[in-house]
Amino acid sequence: MHRSVCNIIPLRHDPIVTEEANVRSRLACVVSEKTERFFSHLAQALSESGSKKFIVVGGETSGVFTQGLNIRGLIIGNTVAPGAPWTQVLDEKERFILKSGNSDFFLKAQEHFHE
């Protein structure tokens, strides 16, 4: 898992404004890292409980989810939506759809979920 690096470059030097912005930035980084850890652990827990099909939304979330399962490669399957095929983990039974979401995508993904 990667570590987030957040920096703020102020347009003007106002110590109070700069410090407030830096505090918010550090807080955002902490929240982001904790959220990534949560999704990594969630992926592991779901897999260990027997889940084999996943619809994962969002680029960062997809990356963290697949990293949490130590996935090194996927076989590309049928297309559910443009840029969103079913994939299967190499040498495993787990299948994924990884994509940034929109309402049409969710409907199509759910239709394909039981295939």
N, C-alpha and C. Protein backbone atom coordinates (compact mmCIF):
# COMPACT_ATOMS: atom_id res chain seq x y z
N MET A 1 0.84 -1.16 0.00
CA MET A 1 0.00 0.00 0.00
C MET A 1 0.90 1.24 0.00
N HIS A 2 0.52 2.24 -0.77
CA HIS A 2 1.32 3.45 -0.84
C HIS A 2 0.94 4.41 0.26
N ARG A 3 1.81 5.31 0.57
CA ARG A 3 1.57 6.32 1.59
C ARG A 3 1.29 7.64 0.89
N SER A 4 0.19 8.30 1.26
CA SER A 4 -0.17 9.57 0.64
C SER A 4 0.78 10.67 1.08
N VAL A 5 1.09 11.53 0.16
CA VAL A 5 1.91 12.70 0.46
C VAL A 5 1.10 13.92 0.04
N CYS A 6 0.78 14.77 0.99
CA CYS A 6 -0.01 15.95 0.70
C CYS A 6 0.78 17.19 1.08
N ASN A 7 0.86 18.13 0.16
CA ASN A 7 1.53 19.39 0.42
C ASN A 7 0.65 20.52 -0.08
N ILE A 8 0.76 21.65 0.56
CA ILE A 8 0.04 22.84 0.13
C ILE A 8 1.06 23.92 -0.15
N ILE A 9 0.91 24.55 -1.29
CA ILE A 9 1.76 25.68 -1.65
C ILE A 9 0.85 26.90 -1.66
N PRO A 10 0.97 27.75 -0.64
CA PRO A 10 0.08 28.91 -0.58
C PRO A 10 0.42 29.95 -1.64
N LEU A 11 -0.63 30.65 -2.10
CA LEU A 11 -0.42 31.71 -3.08
C LEU A 11 0.15 32.96 -2.42
N ARG A 12 -0.13 33.13 -1.17
CA ARG A 12 0.45 34.25 -0.42
C ARG A 12 0.82 33.74 0.95
N HIS A 13 1.72 34.41 1.58
CA HIS A 13 2.18 33.95 2.88
C HIS A 13 1.41 34.65 3.99
N ASP A 14 0.43 33.97 4.52
CA ASP A 14 -0.33 34.42 5.68
C ASP A 14 -0.21 33.28 6.67
N PRO A 15 0.59 33.42 7.72
CA PRO A 15 0.88 32.29 8.63
C PRO A 15 -0.37 31.59 9.17
N ILE A 16 -1.41 32.33 9.51
CA ILE A 16 -2.61 31.71 10.06
C ILE A 16 -3.33 30.90 8.99
N VAL A 17 -3.52 31.49 7.81
CA VAL A 17 -4.19 30.79 6.72
C VAL A 17 -3.38 29.57 6.31
N THR A 18 -2.08 29.73 6.20
CA THR A 18 -1.21 28.62 5.80
C THR A 18 -1.28 27.49 6.81
N GLU A 19 -1.24 27.78 8.09
CA GLU A 19 -1.29 26.74 9.13
C GLU A 19 -2.65 26.03 9.12
N GLU A 20 -3.73 26.77 8.97
CA GLU A 20 -5.05 26.15 8.91
C GLU A 20 -5.15 25.21 7.70
N ALA A 21 -4.65 25.65 6.58
CA ALA A 21 -4.68 24.82 5.37
C ALA A 21 -3.83 23.57 5.57
N ASN A 22 -2.69 23.70 6.20
CA ASN A 22 -1.82 22.54 6.43
C ASN A 22 -2.46 21.55 7.40
N VAL A 23 -3.15 22.04 8.41
CA VAL A 23 -3.84 21.15 9.34
C VAL A 23 -4.93 20.38 8.61
N ARG A 24 -5.72 21.07 7.78
CA ARG A 24 -6.76 20.40 7.00
C ARG A 24 -6.16 19.37 6.05
N SER A 25 -5.04 19.72 5.45
CA SER A 25 -4.38 18.81 4.52
C SER A 25 -3.90 17.55 5.24
N ARG A 26 -3.28 17.72 6.41
CA ARG A 26 -2.81 16.57 7.17
C ARG A 26 -3.98 15.69 7.61
N LEU A 27 -5.08 16.31 8.01
CA LEU A 27 -6.27 15.56 8.41
C LEU A 27 -6.82 14.77 7.22
N ALA A 28 -6.87 15.40 6.05
CA ALA A 28 -7.35 14.71 4.85
C ALA A 28 -6.47 13.51 4.53
N CYS A 29 -5.17 13.65 4.70
CA CYS A 29 -4.26 12.53 4.43
C CYS A 29 -4.50 11.38 5.40
N VAL A 30 -4.71 11.70 6.67
CA VAL A 30 -4.97 10.67 7.68
C VAL A 30 -6.27 9.94 7.36
N VAL A 31 -7.31 10.69 7.03
CA VAL A 31 -8.60 10.07 6.68
C VAL A 31 -8.44 9.19 5.44
N SER A 32 -7.72 9.68 4.45
CA SER A 32 -7.50 8.91 3.22
C SER A 32 -6.78 7.60 3.52
N GLU A 33 -5.73 7.66 4.31
CA GLU A 33 -4.96 6.46 4.64
C GLU A 33 -5.81 5.46 5.42
N LYS A 34 -6.62 5.94 6.36
CA LYS A 34 -7.48 5.05 7.15
C LYS A 34 -8.56 4.42 6.26
N THR A 35 -9.08 5.19 5.33
CA THR A 35 -10.09 4.66 4.40
C THR A 35 -9.47 3.58 3.52
N GLU A 36 -8.26 3.82 3.02
CA GLU A 36 -7.58 2.82 2.20
C GLU A 36 -7.35 1.54 2.99
N ARG A 37 -6.91 1.66 4.23
CA ARG A 37 -6.68 0.48 5.08
C ARG A 37 -8.00 -0.28 5.30
N PHE A 38 -9.09 0.47 5.52
CA PHE A 38 -10.40 -0.15 5.72
C PHE A 38 -10.77 -1.00 4.51
N PHE A 39 -10.65 -0.43 3.30
CA PHE A 39 -11.04 -1.19 2.10
C PHE A 39 -10.11 -2.38 1.85
N SER A 40 -8.87 -2.25 2.20
CA SER A 40 -7.95 -3.38 2.06
C SER A 40 -8.37 -4.51 3.00
N HIS A 41 -8.67 -4.18 4.24
CA HIS A 41 -9.12 -5.19 5.20
C HIS A 41 -10.49 -5.76 4.82
N LEU A 42 -11.37 -4.91 4.29
CA LEU A 42 -12.68 -5.37 3.84
C LEU A 42 -12.53 -6.39 2.73
N ALA A 43 -11.66 -6.12 1.78
CA ALA A 43 -11.43 -7.06 0.68
C ALA A 43 -10.97 -8.41 1.21
N GLN A 44 -10.04 -8.38 2.15
CA GLN A 44 -9.54 -9.62 2.72
C GLN A 44 -10.64 -10.37 3.45
N ALA A 45 -11.44 -9.66 4.25
CA ALA A 45 -12.50 -10.29 5.02
C ALA A 45 -13.57 -10.90 4.11
N LEU A 46 -13.95 -10.17 3.07
CA LEU A 46 -14.95 -10.69 2.14
C LEU A 46 -14.45 -11.94 1.43
N SER A 47 -13.20 -11.91 1.00
CA SER A 47 -12.62 -13.06 0.31
C SER A 47 -12.53 -14.26 1.24
N GLU A 48 -12.08 -14.04 2.47
CA GLU A 48 -11.95 -15.12 3.43
C GLU A 48 -13.30 -15.71 3.82
N SER A 49 -14.38 -14.89 3.72
CA SER A 49 -15.72 -15.39 4.06
C SER A 49 -16.38 -16.13 2.90
N GLY A 50 -15.68 -16.20 1.75
CA GLY A 50 -16.18 -16.98 0.62
C GLY A 50 -16.72 -16.16 -0.54
N SER A 51 -16.73 -14.85 -0.44
CA SER A 51 -17.19 -14.03 -1.57
C SER A 51 -16.24 -14.21 -2.73
N LYS A 52 -16.81 -14.38 -3.92
CA LYS A 52 -16.00 -14.62 -5.11
C LYS A 52 -16.27 -13.63 -6.23
N LYS A 53 -17.33 -12.82 -6.12
CA LYS A 53 -17.64 -11.82 -7.14
C LYS A 53 -17.72 -10.45 -6.48
N PHE A 54 -17.05 -9.48 -7.10
CA PHE A 54 -16.97 -8.14 -6.53
C PHE A 54 -17.22 -7.09 -7.61
N ILE A 55 -17.99 -6.08 -7.29
CA ILE A 55 -18.11 -4.88 -8.12
C ILE A 55 -17.48 -3.78 -7.30
N VAL A 56 -16.35 -3.27 -7.77
CA VAL A 56 -15.59 -2.28 -7.01
C VAL A 56 -15.58 -0.98 -7.80
N VAL A 57 -15.97 0.08 -7.15
CA VAL A 57 -16.14 1.37 -7.82
C VAL A 57 -15.08 2.35 -7.37
N GLY A 58 -14.49 3.03 -8.35
CA GLY A 58 -13.51 4.07 -8.08
C GLY A 58 -12.10 3.56 -8.30
N GLY A 59 -11.30 4.37 -8.95
CA GLY A 59 -9.94 3.97 -9.27
C GLY A 59 -9.08 3.69 -8.05
N GLU A 60 -9.06 4.61 -7.10
CA GLU A 60 -8.27 4.41 -5.89
C GLU A 60 -8.79 3.22 -5.09
N THR A 61 -10.10 3.11 -4.97
CA THR A 61 -10.70 2.00 -4.23
C THR A 61 -10.37 0.67 -4.90
N SER A 62 -10.44 0.63 -6.22
CA SER A 62 -10.11 -0.59 -6.96
C SER A 62 -8.68 -1.01 -6.69
N GLY A 63 -7.77 -0.03 -6.73
CA GLY A 63 -6.36 -0.32 -6.48
C GLY A 63 -6.12 -0.87 -5.08
N VAL A 64 -6.71 -0.23 -4.09
CA VAL A 64 -6.55 -0.67 -2.71
C VAL A 64 -7.18 -2.04 -2.50
N PHE A 65 -8.34 -2.25 -3.09
CA PHE A 65 -9.05 -3.52 -2.95
C PHE A 65 -8.22 -4.66 -3.52
N THR A 66 -7.71 -4.48 -4.74
CA THR A 66 -6.93 -5.55 -5.36
C THR A 66 -5.58 -5.73 -4.67
N GLN A 67 -4.99 -4.66 -4.16
CA GLN A 67 -3.75 -4.79 -3.40
C GLN A 67 -3.97 -5.56 -2.11
N GLY A 68 -5.13 -5.32 -1.48
CA GLY A 68 -5.45 -6.02 -0.23
C GLY A 68 -5.54 -7.52 -0.43
N LEU A 69 -5.89 -7.94 -1.64
CA LEU A 69 -5.98 -9.37 -1.96
C LEU A 69 -4.71 -9.89 -2.63
N ASN A 70 -3.70 -9.04 -2.75
CA ASN A 70 -2.43 -9.42 -3.38
C ASN A 70 -2.62 -9.95 -4.80
N ILE A 71 -3.51 -9.31 -5.53
CA ILE A 71 -3.77 -9.73 -6.91
C ILE A 71 -2.64 -9.22 -7.80
N ARG A 72 -2.08 -10.14 -8.57
CA ARG A 72 -0.95 -9.79 -9.45
C ARG A 72 -1.33 -9.76 -10.92
N GLY A 73 -2.50 -10.31 -11.26
CA GLY A 73 -2.91 -10.31 -12.64
C GLY A 73 -4.36 -10.74 -12.78
N LEU A 74 -4.99 -10.25 -13.85
CA LEU A 74 -6.38 -10.56 -14.11
C LEU A 74 -6.57 -11.02 -15.54
N ILE A 75 -7.51 -11.90 -15.76
CA ILE A 75 -7.92 -12.31 -17.09
C ILE A 75 -9.14 -11.47 -17.45
N ILE A 76 -9.10 -10.84 -18.62
CA ILE A 76 -10.19 -9.97 -19.06
C ILE A 76 -11.32 -10.82 -19.64
N GLY A 77 -12.56 -10.54 -19.20
CA GLY A 77 -13.72 -11.29 -19.67
C GLY A 77 -14.68 -10.41 -20.45
N ASN A 78 -15.96 -10.75 -20.38
CA ASN A 78 -17.01 -10.03 -21.10
C ASN A 78 -17.15 -8.60 -20.61
N THR A 79 -17.46 -7.70 -21.52
CA THR A 79 -17.64 -6.29 -21.19
C THR A 79 -19.03 -6.06 -20.60
N VAL A 80 -19.07 -5.38 -19.47
CA VAL A 80 -20.32 -5.01 -18.82
C VAL A 80 -20.73 -3.61 -19.27
N ALA A 81 -19.74 -2.72 -19.35
CA ALA A 81 -19.92 -1.34 -19.79
C ALA A 81 -18.59 -0.91 -20.41
N PRO A 82 -18.58 0.13 -21.22
CA PRO A 82 -17.31 0.57 -21.81
C PRO A 82 -16.23 0.76 -20.74
N GLY A 83 -15.13 0.08 -20.91
CA GLY A 83 -14.02 0.17 -19.97
C GLY A 83 -14.21 -0.63 -18.69
N ALA A 84 -15.23 -1.47 -18.65
CA ALA A 84 -15.51 -2.24 -17.43
C ALA A 84 -15.87 -3.68 -17.75
N PRO A 85 -14.88 -4.51 -18.02
CA PRO A 85 -15.17 -5.93 -18.25
C PRO A 85 -15.17 -6.69 -16.92
N TRP A 86 -15.82 -7.86 -16.94
CA TRP A 86 -15.59 -8.79 -15.85
C TRP A 86 -14.13 -9.23 -15.96
N THR A 87 -13.48 -9.40 -14.86
CA THR A 87 -12.12 -9.93 -14.85
C THR A 87 -12.08 -11.09 -13.88
N GLN A 88 -11.14 -11.97 -14.10
CA GLN A 88 -10.95 -13.10 -13.19
C GLN A 88 -9.50 -13.11 -12.74
N VAL A 89 -9.30 -13.34 -11.46
CA VAL A 89 -7.96 -13.40 -10.91
C VAL A 89 -7.24 -14.63 -11.48
N LEU A 90 -5.99 -14.45 -11.87
CA LEU A 90 -5.20 -15.57 -12.38
C LEU A 90 -5.17 -16.69 -11.36
N ASP A 91 -5.46 -17.91 -11.79
CA ASP A 91 -5.41 -19.11 -10.95
C ASP A 91 -6.35 -19.07 -9.75
N GLU A 92 -7.36 -18.23 -9.78
CA GLU A 92 -8.32 -18.14 -8.67
C GLU A 92 -9.73 -18.10 -9.24
N LYS A 93 -10.71 -18.19 -8.37
CA LYS A 93 -12.10 -18.13 -8.79
C LYS A 93 -12.71 -16.75 -8.60
N GLU A 94 -12.01 -15.84 -7.96
CA GLU A 94 -12.56 -14.51 -7.72
C GLU A 94 -12.69 -13.73 -9.01
N ARG A 95 -13.82 -13.03 -9.15
CA ARG A 95 -14.09 -12.22 -10.34
C ARG A 95 -14.41 -10.80 -9.90
N PHE A 96 -13.98 -9.85 -10.73
CA PHE A 96 -14.14 -8.43 -10.40
C PHE A 96 -14.65 -7.64 -11.59
N ILE A 97 -15.38 -6.58 -11.29
CA ILE A 97 -15.59 -5.48 -12.22
C ILE A 97 -15.00 -4.29 -11.49
N LEU A 98 -14.06 -3.62 -12.10
CA LEU A 98 -13.39 -2.46 -11.49
C LEU A 98 -13.65 -1.24 -12.37
N LYS A 99 -14.30 -0.21 -11.82
CA LYS A 99 -14.61 0.95 -12.65
C LYS A 99 -15.06 2.12 -11.81
N SER A 100 -14.85 3.31 -12.34
CA SER A 100 -15.50 4.49 -11.79
C SER A 100 -16.98 4.33 -12.09
N GLY A 101 -17.83 4.69 -11.16
CA GLY A 101 -19.23 4.37 -11.32
C GLY A 101 -20.11 5.48 -11.83
N ASN A 102 -21.22 5.08 -12.38
CA ASN A 102 -22.35 5.95 -12.69
C ASN A 102 -23.59 5.07 -12.60
N SER A 103 -24.77 5.67 -12.60
CA SER A 103 -25.98 4.88 -12.35
C SER A 103 -26.19 3.80 -13.41
N ASP A 104 -25.94 4.08 -14.68
CA ASP A 104 -26.09 3.06 -15.71
C ASP A 104 -25.14 1.90 -15.48
N PHE A 105 -23.92 2.22 -15.08
CA PHE A 105 -22.94 1.17 -14.82
C PHE A 105 -23.43 0.23 -13.72
N PHE A 106 -23.95 0.78 -12.64
CA PHE A 106 -24.40 -0.07 -11.54
C PHE A 106 -25.52 -1.01 -11.99
N LEU A 107 -26.44 -0.51 -12.77
CA LEU A 107 -27.54 -1.35 -13.26
C LEU A 107 -27.00 -2.48 -14.13
N LYS A 108 -26.10 -2.15 -15.06
CA LYS A 108 -25.52 -3.17 -15.94
C LYS A 108 -24.70 -4.18 -15.15
N ALA A 109 -23.93 -3.69 -14.18
CA ALA A 109 -23.09 -4.59 -13.38
C ALA A 109 -23.96 -5.57 -12.58
N GLN A 110 -25.05 -5.08 -12.02
CA GLN A 110 -25.94 -5.96 -11.27
C GLN A 110 -26.57 -7.02 -12.16
N GLU A 111 -26.91 -6.64 -13.40
CA GLU A 111 -27.47 -7.62 -14.34
C GLU A 111 -26.47 -8.74 -14.62
N HIS A 112 -25.20 -8.40 -14.72
CA HIS A 112 -24.15 -9.38 -15.04
C HIS A 112 -23.64 -10.13 -13.81
N PHE A 113 -24.00 -9.67 -12.65
CA PHE A 113 -23.43 -10.21 -11.41
C PHE A 113 -23.69 -11.72 -11.25
N HIS A 114 -24.83 -12.16 -11.70
CA HIS A 114 -25.21 -13.57 -11.48
C HIS A 114 -24.80 -14.49 -12.62
N GLU A 115 -24.08 -13.99 -13.60
CA GLU A 115 -23.63 -14.83 -14.72
C GLU A 115 -22.54 -15.77 -14.28
